């Protein structure tokens, strides 16, 4: 999941590999959860 706010570049929010390993942008850690 990526996001783009007005006037800003697109940035990575969270990513999950085919094996289920997830990583998060620091600003959303503990608040957002990616799943598949």
ModelCIF file with pLDDT and N, C-alpha, C, O atoms, coordinates in Angstrom:
data_MODEL
#
_entry.id   MODEL 
#
_entity.id                         1 
_entity.type                       polymer 
_entity.pdbx_number_of_molecules   1 
#
_entity_poly.entity_id                      1 
_entity_poly.type                           'polypeptide(L)' 
_entity_poly.nstd_linkage                   no 
_entity_poly.nstd_monomer                   no 
_entity_poly.pdbx_seq_one_letter_code       
;(UNK)(UNK)(UNK)(UNK)(UNK)(UNK)(UNK)(UNK)(UNK)(UNK)(UNK)(UNK)(UNK)(UNK)(UNK)(UNK)
(UNK)(UNK)(UNK)(UNK)(UNK)(UNK)(UNK)(UNK)(UNK)(UNK)(UNK)(UNK)(UNK)(UNK)(UNK)(UNK)
(UNK)(UNK)(UNK)(UNK)
;
_entity_poly.pdbx_seq_one_letter_code_can   XXXXXXXXXXXXXXXXXXXXXXXXXXXXXXXXXXXX 
_entity_poly.pdbx_strand_id                 A 
#
loop_
_entity_poly_seq.entity_id 
_entity_poly_seq.num 
_entity_poly_seq.mon_id 
_entity_poly_seq.hetero 
1 1  UNK n 
1 2  UNK n 
1 3  UNK n 
1 4  UNK n 
1 5  UNK n 
1 6  UNK n 
1 7  UNK n 
1 8  UNK n 
1 9  UNK n 
1 10 UNK n 
1 11 UNK n 
1 12 UNK n 
1 13 UNK n 
1 14 UNK n 
1 15 UNK n 
1 16 UNK n 
1 17 UNK n 
1 18 UNK n 
1 19 UNK n 
1 20 UNK n 
1 21 UNK n 
1 22 UNK n 
1 23 UNK n 
1 24 UNK n 
1 25 UNK n 
1 26 UNK n 
1 27 UNK n 
1 28 UNK n 
1 29 UNK n 
1 30 UNK n 
1 31 UNK n 
1 32 UNK n 
1 33 UNK n 
1 34 UNK n 
1 35 UNK n 
1 36 UNK n 
#
_struct_asym.id          A 
_struct_asym.entity_id   1 
#
loop_
_ma_qa_metric.id 
_ma_qa_metric.mode 
_ma_qa_metric.name 
_ma_qa_metric.software_group_id 
_ma_qa_metric.type 
1 global pLDDT . pLDDT 
2 local  pLDDT . pLDDT 
#
_ma_qa_metric_global.metric_id      1 
_ma_qa_metric_global.metric_value   95.81 
_ma_qa_metric_global.model_id       1 
_ma_qa_metric_global.ordinal_id     1 
#
loop_
_ma_qa_metric_local.label_asym_id 
_ma_qa_metric_local.label_comp_id 
_ma_qa_metric_local.label_seq_id 
_ma_qa_metric_local.metric_id 
_ma_qa_metric_local.metric_value 
_ma_qa_metric_local.model_id 
_ma_qa_metric_local.ordinal_id 
A UNK 1  2 98.00 1 1  
A UNK 2  2 98.00 1 2  
A UNK 3  2 98.00 1 3  
A UNK 4  2 98.00 1 4  
A UNK 5  2 97.00 1 5  
A UNK 6  2 92.00 1 6  
A UNK 7  2 94.00 1 7  
A UNK 8  2 96.00 1 8  
A UNK 9  2 97.00 1 9  
A UNK 10 2 97.00 1 10 
A UNK 11 2 97.00 1 11 
A UNK 12 2 97.00 1 12 
A UNK 13 2 98.00 1 13 
A UNK 14 2 98.00 1 14 
A UNK 15 2 97.00 1 15 
A UNK 16 2 95.00 1 16 
A UNK 17 2 92.00 1 17 
A UNK 18 2 85.00 1 18 
A UNK 19 2 86.00 1 19 
A UNK 20 2 89.00 1 20 
A UNK 21 2 94.00 1 21 
A UNK 22 2 97.00 1 22 
A UNK 23 2 97.00 1 23 
A UNK 24 2 98.00 1 24 
A UNK 25 2 97.00 1 25 
A UNK 26 2 97.00 1 26 
A UNK 27 2 97.00 1 27 
A UNK 28 2 98.00 1 28 
A UNK 29 2 98.00 1 29 
A UNK 30 2 97.00 1 30 
A UNK 31 2 98.00 1 31 
A UNK 32 2 98.00 1 32 
A UNK 33 2 98.00 1 33 
A UNK 34 2 98.00 1 34 
A UNK 35 2 96.00 1 35 
A UNK 36 2 92.00 1 36 
#
loop_
_atom_site.group_PDB 
_atom_site.id 
_atom_site.type_symbol 
_atom_site.label_atom_id 
_atom_site.label_alt_id 
_atom_site.label_comp_id 
_atom_site.label_asym_id 
_atom_site.label_entity_id 
_atom_site.label_seq_id 
_atom_site.pdbx_PDB_ins_code 
_atom_site.Cartn_x 
_atom_site.Cartn_y 
_atom_site.Cartn_z 
_atom_site.occupancy 
_atom_site.B_iso_or_equiv 
_atom_site.pdbx_formal_charge 
_atom_site.auth_seq_id 
_atom_site.auth_comp_id 
_atom_site.auth_asym_id 
_atom_site.auth_atom_id 
_atom_site.pdbx_PDB_model_num 
ATOM 1   N N  . UNK A 1 1  ? 0.844  -1.176  0.000  1.00 98.00 ? 1  UNK A N  1 
ATOM 2   C CA . UNK A 1 1  ? 0.000  0.000   0.000  1.00 98.00 ? 1  UNK A CA 1 
ATOM 3   C C  . UNK A 1 1  ? 0.888  1.237   0.000  1.00 98.00 ? 1  UNK A C  1 
ATOM 4   O O  . UNK A 1 1  ? 1.801  1.362   0.817  1.00 98.00 ? 1  UNK A O  1 
ATOM 5   N N  . UNK A 1 2  ? 0.613  2.135   -0.913 1.00 98.00 ? 2  UNK A N  1 
ATOM 6   C CA . UNK A 1 2  ? 1.298  3.413   -1.009 1.00 98.00 ? 2  UNK A CA 1 
ATOM 7   C C  . UNK A 1 2  ? 0.273  4.522   -0.846 1.00 98.00 ? 2  UNK A C  1 
ATOM 8   O O  . UNK A 1 2  ? -0.928 4.296   -0.996 1.00 98.00 ? 2  UNK A O  1 
ATOM 9   N N  . UNK A 1 3  ? 0.747  5.711   -0.541 1.00 98.00 ? 3  UNK A N  1 
ATOM 10  C CA . UNK A 1 3  ? -0.170 6.839   -0.443 1.00 98.00 ? 3  UNK A CA 1 
ATOM 11  C C  . UNK A 1 3  ? 0.489  8.101   -0.981 1.00 98.00 ? 3  UNK A C  1 
ATOM 12  O O  . UNK A 1 3  ? 1.712  8.235   -0.979 1.00 98.00 ? 3  UNK A O  1 
ATOM 13  N N  . UNK A 1 4  ? -0.343 9.014   -1.436 1.00 98.00 ? 4  UNK A N  1 
ATOM 14  C CA . UNK A 1 4  ? 0.136  10.288  -1.943 1.00 98.00 ? 4  UNK A CA 1 
ATOM 15  C C  . UNK A 1 4  ? -0.776 11.397  -1.435 1.00 98.00 ? 4  UNK A C  1 
ATOM 16  O O  . UNK A 1 4  ? -1.961 11.443  -1.764 1.00 98.00 ? 4  UNK A O  1 
ATOM 17  N N  . UNK A 1 5  ? -0.215 12.278  -0.639 1.00 97.00 ? 5  UNK A N  1 
ATOM 18  C CA . UNK A 1 5  ? -0.938 13.424  -0.116 1.00 97.00 ? 5  UNK A CA 1 
ATOM 19  C C  . UNK A 1 5  ? -0.744 14.609  -1.054 1.00 97.00 ? 5  UNK A C  1 
ATOM 20  O O  . UNK A 1 5  ? 0.221  14.638  -1.816 1.00 97.00 ? 5  UNK A O  1 
ATOM 21  N N  . UNK A 1 6  ? -1.650 15.588  -1.008 1.00 92.00 ? 6  UNK A N  1 
ATOM 22  C CA . UNK A 1 6  ? -1.511 16.768  -1.873 1.00 92.00 ? 6  UNK A CA 1 
ATOM 23  C C  . UNK A 1 6  ? -0.164 17.443  -1.701 1.00 92.00 ? 6  UNK A C  1 
ATOM 24  O O  . UNK A 1 6  ? 0.253  17.734  -0.580 1.00 92.00 ? 6  UNK A O  1 
ATOM 25  N N  . UNK A 1 7  ? 0.513  17.692  -2.805 1.00 94.00 ? 7  UNK A N  1 
ATOM 26  C CA . UNK A 1 7  ? 1.800  18.365  -2.771 1.00 94.00 ? 7  UNK A CA 1 
ATOM 27  C C  . UNK A 1 7  ? 2.971  17.511  -2.353 1.00 94.00 ? 7  UNK A C  1 
ATOM 28  O O  . UNK A 1 7  ? 4.081  18.021  -2.206 1.00 94.00 ? 7  UNK A O  1 
ATOM 29  N N  . UNK A 1 8  ? 2.752  16.214  -2.155 1.00 96.00 ? 8  UNK A N  1 
ATOM 30  C CA . UNK A 1 8  ? 3.818  15.327  -1.724 1.00 96.00 ? 8  UNK A CA 1 
ATOM 31  C C  . UNK A 1 8  ? 3.991  14.168  -2.694 1.00 96.00 ? 8  UNK A C  1 
ATOM 32  O O  . UNK A 1 8  ? 3.097  13.875  -3.488 1.00 96.00 ? 8  UNK A O  1 
ATOM 33  N N  . UNK A 1 9  ? 5.138  13.514  -2.629 1.00 97.00 ? 9  UNK A N  1 
ATOM 34  C CA . UNK A 1 9  ? 5.409  12.370  -3.476 1.00 97.00 ? 9  UNK A CA 1 
ATOM 35  C C  . UNK A 1 9  ? 4.738  11.122  -2.919 1.00 97.00 ? 9  UNK A C  1 
ATOM 36  O O  . UNK A 1 9  ? 4.412  11.049  -1.734 1.00 97.00 ? 9  UNK A O  1 
ATOM 37  N N  . UNK A 1 10 ? 4.541  10.150  -3.789 1.00 97.00 ? 10 UNK A N  1 
ATOM 38  C CA . UNK A 1 10 ? 3.973  8.892   -3.355 1.00 97.00 ? 10 UNK A CA 1 
ATOM 39  C C  . UNK A 1 10 ? 4.971  8.150   -2.466 1.00 97.00 ? 10 UNK A C  1 
ATOM 40  O O  . UNK A 1 10 ? 6.160  8.084   -2.778 1.00 97.00 ? 10 UNK A O  1 
ATOM 41  N N  . UNK A 1 11 ? 4.481  7.596   -1.363 1.00 97.00 ? 11 UNK A N  1 
ATOM 42  C CA . UNK A 1 11 ? 5.347  6.932   -0.409 1.00 97.00 ? 11 UNK A CA 1 
ATOM 43  C C  . UNK A 1 11 ? 4.793  5.574   -0.011 1.00 97.00 ? 11 UNK A C  1 
ATOM 44  O O  . UNK A 1 11 ? 3.585  5.341   -0.043 1.00 97.00 ? 11 UNK A O  1 
ATOM 45  N N  . UNK A 1 12 ? 5.695  4.693   0.360  1.00 97.00 ? 12 UNK A N  1 
ATOM 46  C CA . UNK A 1 12 ? 5.310  3.367   0.826  1.00 97.00 ? 12 UNK A CA 1 
ATOM 47  C C  . UNK A 1 12 ? 4.711  3.460   2.216  1.00 97.00 ? 12 UNK A C  1 
ATOM 48  O O  . UNK A 1 12 ? 5.276  4.106   3.098  1.00 97.00 ? 12 UNK A O  1 
ATOM 49  N N  . UNK A 1 13 ? 3.572  2.818   2.416  1.00 98.00 ? 13 UNK A N  1 
ATOM 50  C CA . UNK A 1 13 ? 2.931  2.739   3.718  1.00 98.00 ? 13 UNK A CA 1 
ATOM 51  C C  . UNK A 1 13 ? 3.220  1.395   4.370  1.00 98.00 ? 13 UNK A C  1 
ATOM 52  O O  . UNK A 1 13 ? 3.661  1.336   5.518  1.00 98.00 ? 13 UNK A O  1 
ATOM 53  N N  . UNK A 1 14 ? 2.971  0.326   3.644  1.00 98.00 ? 14 UNK A N  1 
ATOM 54  C CA . UNK A 1 14 ? 3.190  -1.021  4.154  1.00 98.00 ? 14 UNK A CA 1 
ATOM 55  C C  . UNK A 1 14 ? 3.377  -1.974  2.990  1.00 98.00 ? 14 UNK A C  1 
ATOM 56  O O  . UNK A 1 14 ? 2.884  -1.732  1.889  1.00 98.00 ? 14 UNK A O  1 
ATOM 57  N N  . UNK A 1 15 ? 4.092  -3.054  3.241  1.00 97.00 ? 15 UNK A N  1 
ATOM 58  C CA . UNK A 1 15 ? 4.343  -4.042  2.204  1.00 97.00 ? 15 UNK A CA 1 
ATOM 59  C C  . UNK A 1 15 ? 4.372  -5.426  2.824  1.00 97.00 ? 15 UNK A C  1 
ATOM 60  O O  . UNK A 1 15 ? 4.852  -5.603  3.944  1.00 97.00 ? 15 UNK A O  1 
ATOM 61  N N  . UNK A 1 16 ? 3.857  -6.406  2.096  1.00 95.00 ? 16 UNK A N  1 
ATOM 62  C CA . UNK A 1 16 ? 3.852  -7.778  2.579  1.00 95.00 ? 16 UNK A CA 1 
ATOM 63  C C  . UNK A 1 16 ? 4.348  -8.683  1.462  1.00 95.00 ? 16 UNK A C  1 
ATOM 64  O O  . UNK A 1 16 ? 3.872  -8.601  0.329  1.00 95.00 ? 16 UNK A O  1 
ATOM 65  N N  . UNK A 1 17 ? 5.299  -9.542  1.782  1.00 92.00 ? 17 UNK A N  1 
ATOM 66  C CA . UNK A 1 17 ? 5.880  -10.432 0.789  1.00 92.00 ? 17 UNK A CA 1 
ATOM 67  C C  . UNK A 1 17 ? 4.966  -11.607 0.530  1.00 92.00 ? 17 UNK A C  1 
ATOM 68  O O  . UNK A 1 17 ? 3.980  -11.813 1.237  1.00 92.00 ? 17 UNK A O  1 
ATOM 69  N N  . UNK A 1 18 ? 5.305  -12.381 -0.501 1.00 85.00 ? 18 UNK A N  1 
ATOM 70  C CA . UNK A 1 18 ? 4.533  -13.575 -0.806 1.00 85.00 ? 18 UNK A CA 1 
ATOM 71  C C  . UNK A 1 18 ? 4.568  -14.577 0.341  1.00 85.00 ? 18 UNK A C  1 
ATOM 72  O O  . UNK A 1 18 ? 3.665  -15.403 0.478  1.00 85.00 ? 18 UNK A O  1 
ATOM 73  N N  . UNK A 1 19 ? 5.607  -14.505 1.161  1.00 86.00 ? 19 UNK A N  1 
ATOM 74  C CA . UNK A 1 19 ? 5.731  -15.380 2.312  1.00 86.00 ? 19 UNK A CA 1 
ATOM 75  C C  . UNK A 1 19 ? 5.044  -14.868 3.560  1.00 86.00 ? 19 UNK A C  1 
ATOM 76  O O  . UNK A 1 19 ? 5.008  -15.565 4.574  1.00 86.00 ? 19 UNK A O  1 
ATOM 77  N N  . UNK A 1 20 ? 4.492  -13.651 3.505  1.00 89.00 ? 20 UNK A N  1 
ATOM 78  C CA . UNK A 1 20 ? 3.742  -13.111 4.624  1.00 89.00 ? 20 UNK A CA 1 
ATOM 79  C C  . UNK A 1 20 ? 4.514  -12.193 5.547  1.00 89.00 ? 20 UNK A C  1 
ATOM 80  O O  . UNK A 1 20 ? 4.000  -11.816 6.600  1.00 89.00 ? 20 UNK A O  1 
ATOM 81  N N  . UNK A 1 21 ? 5.727  -11.822 5.188  1.00 94.00 ? 21 UNK A N  1 
ATOM 82  C CA . UNK A 1 21 ? 6.506  -10.902 6.002  1.00 94.00 ? 21 UNK A CA 1 
ATOM 83  C C  . UNK A 1 21 ? 6.111  -9.469  5.692  1.00 94.00 ? 21 UNK A C  1 
ATOM 84  O O  . UNK A 1 21 ? 6.113  -9.057  4.532  1.00 94.00 ? 21 UNK A O  1 
ATOM 85  N N  . UNK A 1 22 ? 5.771  -8.711  6.723  1.00 97.00 ? 22 UNK A N  1 
ATOM 86  C CA . UNK A 1 22 ? 5.289  -7.345  6.556  1.00 97.00 ? 22 UNK A CA 1 
ATOM 87  C C  . UNK A 1 22 ? 6.288  -6.325  7.068  1.00 97.00 ? 22 UNK A C  1 
ATOM 88  O O  . UNK A 1 22 ? 6.986  -6.563  8.054  1.00 97.00 ? 22 UNK A O  1 
ATOM 89  N N  . UNK A 1 23 ? 6.350  -5.191  6.396  1.00 97.00 ? 23 UNK A N  1 
ATOM 90  C CA . UNK A 1 23 ? 7.137  -4.047  6.848  1.00 97.00 ? 23 UNK A CA 1 
ATOM 91  C C  . UNK A 1 23 ? 6.253  -2.813  6.775  1.00 97.00 ? 23 UNK A C  1 
ATOM 92  O O  . UNK A 1 23 ? 5.306  -2.764  5.990  1.00 97.00 ? 23 UNK A O  1 
ATOM 93  N N  . UNK A 1 24 ? 6.567  -1.808  7.604  1.00 98.00 ? 24 UNK A N  1 
ATOM 94  C CA . UNK A 1 24 ? 5.745  -0.619  7.696  1.00 98.00 ? 24 UNK A CA 1 
ATOM 95  C C  . UNK A 1 24 ? 6.592  0.639   7.730  1.00 98.00 ? 24 UNK A C  1 
ATOM 96  O O  . UNK A 1 24 ? 7.720  0.635   8.222  1.00 98.00 ? 24 UNK A O  1 
ATOM 97  N N  . UNK A 1 25 ? 6.033  1.708   7.203  1.00 97.00 ? 25 UNK A N  1 
ATOM 98  C CA . UNK A 1 25 ? 6.613  3.016   7.401  1.00 97.00 ? 25 UNK A CA 1 
ATOM 99  C C  . UNK A 1 25 ? 6.557  3.329   8.892  1.00 97.00 ? 25 UNK A C  1 
ATOM 100 O O  . UNK A 1 25 ? 5.586  2.986   9.565  1.00 97.00 ? 25 UNK A O  1 
ATOM 101 N N  . UNK A 1 26 ? 7.594  3.978   9.405  1.00 97.00 ? 26 UNK A N  1 
ATOM 102 C CA . UNK A 1 26 ? 7.678  4.238   10.840 1.00 97.00 ? 26 UNK A CA 1 
ATOM 103 C C  . UNK A 1 26 ? 6.459  4.984   11.374 1.00 97.00 ? 26 UNK A C  1 
ATOM 104 O O  . UNK A 1 26 ? 6.021  4.719   12.493 1.00 97.00 ? 26 UNK A O  1 
ATOM 105 N N  . UNK A 1 27 ? 5.915  5.893   10.609 1.00 97.00 ? 27 UNK A N  1 
ATOM 106 C CA . UNK A 1 27 ? 4.820  6.722   11.084 1.00 97.00 ? 27 UNK A CA 1 
ATOM 107 C C  . UNK A 1 27 ? 3.517  5.953   11.291 1.00 97.00 ? 27 UNK A C  1 
ATOM 108 O O  . UNK A 1 27 ? 2.605  6.460   11.944 1.00 97.00 ? 27 UNK A O  1 
ATOM 109 N N  . UNK A 1 28 ? 3.412  4.741   10.749 1.00 98.00 ? 28 UNK A N  1 
ATOM 110 C CA . UNK A 1 28 ? 2.179  3.964   10.893 1.00 98.00 ? 28 UNK A CA 1 
ATOM 111 C C  . UNK A 1 28 ? 2.365  2.709   11.720 1.00 98.00 ? 28 UNK A C  1 
ATOM 112 O O  . UNK A 1 28 ? 1.398  1.984   11.954 1.00 98.00 ? 28 UNK A O  1 
ATOM 113 N N  . UNK A 1 29 ? 3.570  2.434   12.167 1.00 98.00 ? 29 UNK A N  1 
ATOM 114 C CA . UNK A 1 29 ? 3.818  1.246   12.980 1.00 98.00 ? 29 UNK A CA 1 
ATOM 115 C C  . UNK A 1 29 ? 2.985  1.287   14.254 1.00 98.00 ? 29 UNK A C  1 
ATOM 116 O O  . UNK A 1 29 ? 2.927  2.306   14.943 1.00 98.00 ? 29 UNK A O  1 
ATOM 117 N N  . UNK A 1 30 ? 2.344  0.168   14.552 1.00 97.00 ? 30 UNK A N  1 
ATOM 118 C CA . UNK A 1 30 ? 1.489  0.092   15.720 1.00 97.00 ? 30 UNK A CA 1 
ATOM 119 C C  . UNK A 1 30 ? 0.077  0.568   15.478 1.00 97.00 ? 30 UNK A C  1 
ATOM 120 O O  . UNK A 1 30 ? -0.792 0.376   16.328 1.00 97.00 ? 30 UNK A O  1 
ATOM 121 N N  . UNK A 1 31 ? -0.172 1.190   14.329 1.00 98.00 ? 31 UNK A N  1 
ATOM 122 C CA . UNK A 1 31 ? -1.503 1.696   14.006 1.00 98.00 ? 31 UNK A CA 1 
ATOM 123 C C  . UNK A 1 31 ? -2.113 0.986   12.802 1.00 98.00 ? 31 UNK A C  1 
ATOM 124 O O  . UNK A 1 31 ? -3.320 0.747   12.769 1.00 98.00 ? 31 UNK A O  1 
ATOM 125 N N  . UNK A 1 32 ? -1.289 0.650   11.817 1.00 98.00 ? 32 UNK A N  1 
ATOM 126 C CA . UNK A 1 32 ? -1.764 0.007   10.590 1.00 98.00 ? 32 UNK A CA 1 
ATOM 127 C C  . UNK A 1 32 ? -1.309 -1.445  10.553 1.00 98.00 ? 32 UNK A C  1 
ATOM 128 O O  . UNK A 1 32 ? -0.247 -1.787  11.073 1.00 98.00 ? 32 UNK A O  1 
ATOM 129 N N  . UNK A 1 33 ? -2.121 -2.295  9.935  1.00 98.00 ? 33 UNK A N  1 
ATOM 130 C CA . UNK A 1 33 ? -1.778 -3.692  9.746  1.00 98.00 ? 33 UNK A CA 1 
ATOM 131 C C  . UNK A 1 33 ? -2.111 -4.119  8.324  1.00 98.00 ? 33 UNK A C  1 
ATOM 132 O O  . UNK A 1 33 ? -3.248 -3.972  7.875  1.00 98.00 ? 33 UNK A O  1 
ATOM 133 N N  . UNK A 1 34 ? -1.125 -4.643  7.621  1.00 98.00 ? 34 UNK A N  1 
ATOM 134 C CA . UNK A 1 34 ? -1.354 -5.170  6.281  1.00 98.00 ? 34 UNK A CA 1 
ATOM 135 C C  . UNK A 1 34 ? -1.518 -6.681  6.369  1.00 98.00 ? 34 UNK A C  1 
ATOM 136 O O  . UNK A 1 34 ? -0.821 -7.346  7.135  1.00 98.00 ? 34 UNK A O  1 
ATOM 137 N N  . UNK A 1 35 ? -2.430 -7.208  5.592  1.00 96.00 ? 35 UNK A N  1 
ATOM 138 C CA . UNK A 1 35 ? -2.653 -8.643  5.569  1.00 96.00 ? 35 UNK A CA 1 
ATOM 139 C C  . UNK A 1 35 ? -3.101 -9.054  4.176  1.00 96.00 ? 35 UNK A C  1 
ATOM 140 O O  . UNK A 1 35 ? -3.482 -8.211  3.365  1.00 96.00 ? 35 UNK A O  1 
ATOM 141 N N  . UNK A 1 36 ? -3.054 -10.342 3.904  1.00 92.00 ? 36 UNK A N  1 
ATOM 142 C CA . UNK A 1 36 ? -3.471 -10.831 2.601  1.00 92.00 ? 36 UNK A CA 1 
ATOM 143 C C  . UNK A 1 36 ? -4.247 -12.123 2.753  1.00 92.00 ? 36 UNK A C  1 
ATOM 144 O O  . UNK A 1 36 ? -4.688 -12.699 1.759  1.00 92.00 ? 36 UNK A O  1 
#
